[in-house]
Amino acid sequence: MELKEIVSMSGKSGLFKIVGPTRSGLILESLDALKAKVVTAASSKVSVLDEISIYVTSKENTVPLSEVLKKIKSVCGDTIGLTPDASEVELRAFMKKVLPDYDEQRVYISDIKKLVRWYITLEKYAAEILS
């Protein structure tokens, strides 16, 4: 499995694997143990994880999510040691440890919580992506 096959869908929690296209959307399968199938409409907001980036203050302006996920793996090892429900101070400290030049003005706490949630899900159900 590759990061370009994994999506986040607005209004739905969790991550989904793209199973295939339909005439007016996509067939998705949840990455959790339930493996629930969802059919999206063309109007649904679906974000492919491979196309997401994190804002940084360096000249590049952004770092691809794939690089951030690999950096988390290299910094944290086998366990992230954090949950999305951690305090704002803990979440920001984690982000600073993983990506020291992340843009604190444009990366909101909700973004960091989502990153942590996604990482935990990927680590559990699609660990090969993090290698």
Protein backbone atom coordinates (compact mmCIF):
# COMPACT_ATOMS: atom_id res chain seq x y z
CA MET A 1 0.00 0.00 0.00
CA GLU A 2 1.18 3.52 -0.76
CA LEU A 3 0.29 6.93 0.65
CA LYS A 4 -1.34 7.91 -2.66
CA GLU A 5 -3.96 5.19 -2.01
CA ILE A 6 -4.97 6.60 1.40
CA VAL A 7 -7.49 9.43 1.80
CA SER A 8 -9.17 11.49 4.47
CA MET A 9 -12.79 12.39 3.90
CA SER A 10 -14.40 15.54 5.24
CA GLY A 11 -17.16 14.72 7.70
CA LYS A 12 -15.86 11.19 8.39
CA SER A 13 -13.32 10.29 11.01
CA GLY A 14 -10.41 8.03 10.21
CA LEU A 15 -8.52 7.17 7.07
CA PHE A 16 -9.72 5.27 4.03
CA LYS A 17 -8.10 3.20 1.31
CA ILE A 18 -9.26 3.86 -2.26
CA VAL A 19 -10.85 0.65 -3.54
CA GLY A 20 -11.95 1.97 -6.91
CA PRO A 21 -13.83 4.62 -8.86
CA THR A 22 -17.55 4.87 -9.49
CA ARG A 23 -19.30 6.96 -12.14
CA SER A 24 -19.65 9.86 -9.74
CA GLY A 25 -17.12 9.31 -6.96
CA LEU A 26 -15.03 6.69 -5.20
CA ILE A 27 -15.44 3.48 -3.28
CA LEU A 28 -13.46 3.70 -0.05
CA GLU A 29 -12.66 1.16 2.65
CA SER A 30 -11.87 2.24 6.21
CA LEU A 31 -8.34 1.48 7.38
CA ASP A 32 -9.55 0.31 10.78
CA ALA A 33 -10.43 -3.24 11.80
CA LEU A 34 -14.04 -2.84 10.60
CA LYS A 35 -13.05 -2.42 6.93
CA ALA A 36 -16.34 -0.58 6.34
CA LYS A 37 -16.99 0.43 2.74
CA VAL A 38 -18.14 3.96 1.86
CA VAL A 39 -19.21 5.32 -1.52
CA THR A 40 -18.47 9.01 -2.02
CA ALA A 41 -20.28 11.45 -4.24
CA ALA A 42 -18.45 13.75 -6.63
CA SER A 43 -19.24 16.63 -4.27
CA SER A 44 -17.52 14.94 -1.28
CA LYS A 45 -14.29 16.54 -0.14
CA VAL A 46 -11.65 13.81 -0.24
CA SER A 47 -7.96 14.57 0.41
CA VAL A 48 -5.28 12.17 -0.79
CA LEU A 49 -2.59 12.00 1.89
CA ASP A 50 0.17 12.01 -0.72
CA GLU A 51 -0.90 15.54 -1.75
CA ILE A 52 -0.88 17.04 1.77
CA SER A 53 1.99 19.16 3.10
CA ILE A 54 2.88 20.83 6.40
CA TYR A 55 3.81 24.52 6.46
CA VAL A 56 7.38 25.36 7.48
CA THR A 57 9.23 28.65 7.85
CA SER A 58 12.16 27.70 5.61
CA LYS A 59 12.42 28.69 1.95
CA GLU A 60 10.58 25.52 0.82
CA ASN A 61 7.39 26.78 2.59
CA THR A 62 6.03 23.22 2.93
CA VAL A 63 7.19 19.68 3.66
CA PRO A 64 5.26 16.74 2.14
CA LEU A 65 3.28 14.67 4.64
CA SER A 66 5.19 11.56 3.53
CA GLU A 67 8.45 13.11 4.74
CA VAL A 68 6.87 14.22 8.03
CA LEU A 69 5.53 10.70 8.68
CA LYS A 70 8.96 9.19 8.03
CA LYS A 71 10.54 11.80 10.29
CA ILE A 72 8.10 10.89 13.08
CA LYS A 73 9.09 7.24 12.64
CA SER A 74 12.81 8.06 12.83
CA VAL A 75 12.44 10.40 15.84
CA CYS A 76 9.89 8.38 17.85
CA GLY A 77 10.78 4.83 16.90
CA ASP A 78 8.13 2.14 17.25
CA THR A 79 5.73 4.16 19.38
CA ILE A 80 4.71 7.78 19.11
CA GLY A 81 4.09 8.07 22.86
CA LEU A 82 1.32 10.61 22.39
CA THR A 83 -2.41 10.69 21.72
CA PRO A 84 -4.48 13.28 19.86
CA ASP A 85 -6.05 14.14 23.25
CA ALA A 86 -2.72 15.31 24.70
CA SER A 87 -2.43 18.90 25.88
CA GLU A 88 -1.67 21.69 23.43
CA VAL A 89 1.75 22.15 25.04
CA GLU A 90 2.61 18.45 24.54
CA LEU A 91 1.36 18.45 20.94
CA ARG A 92 3.33 21.58 20.03
CA ALA A 93 6.47 20.19 21.73
CA PHE A 94 6.06 16.97 19.74
CA MET A 95 5.73 18.91 16.50
CA LYS A 96 8.78 21.03 17.34
CA LYS A 97 10.78 17.84 18.01
CA VAL A 98 9.73 16.24 14.73
CA LEU A 99 9.74 19.33 12.50
CA PRO A 100 11.64 22.14 14.26
CA ASP A 101 10.88 24.73 11.57
CA TYR A 102 7.13 24.10 11.31
CA ASP A 103 5.15 27.32 10.94
CA GLU A 104 3.45 27.82 14.32
CA GLN A 105 1.18 30.50 12.87
CA ARG A 106 -0.25 28.36 10.07
CA VAL A 107 -0.16 24.88 11.60
CA TYR A 108 -3.06 24.78 14.04
CA ILE A 109 -3.40 22.49 17.03
CA SER A 110 -6.22 20.69 15.18
CA ASP A 111 -3.74 19.94 12.37
CA ILE A 112 -1.26 18.43 14.84
CA LYS A 113 -4.02 16.32 16.43
CA LYS A 114 -5.01 15.07 12.97
CA LEU A 115 -1.36 14.26 12.16
CA VAL A 116 -1.01 12.26 15.38
CA ARG A 117 -4.30 10.43 14.74
CA TRP A 118 -3.28 9.63 11.15
CA TYR A 119 0.16 8.43 12.22
CA ILE A 120 -1.30 6.09 14.85
CA THR A 121 -3.75 4.67 12.30
CA LEU A 122 -1.07 4.20 9.64
CA GLU A 123 1.30 2.64 12.15
CA LYS A 124 -1.36 0.11 13.14
CA TYR A 125 -2.93 -0.73 9.75
CA ALA A 126 -0.41 0.27 7.07
CA ALA A 127 3.03 0.28 8.69
CA GLU A 128 4.79 -0.31 5.36
CA ILE A 129 3.96 3.29 4.38
CA LEU A 130 6.10 4.64 7.23
CA SER A 131 9.27 2.80 6.17
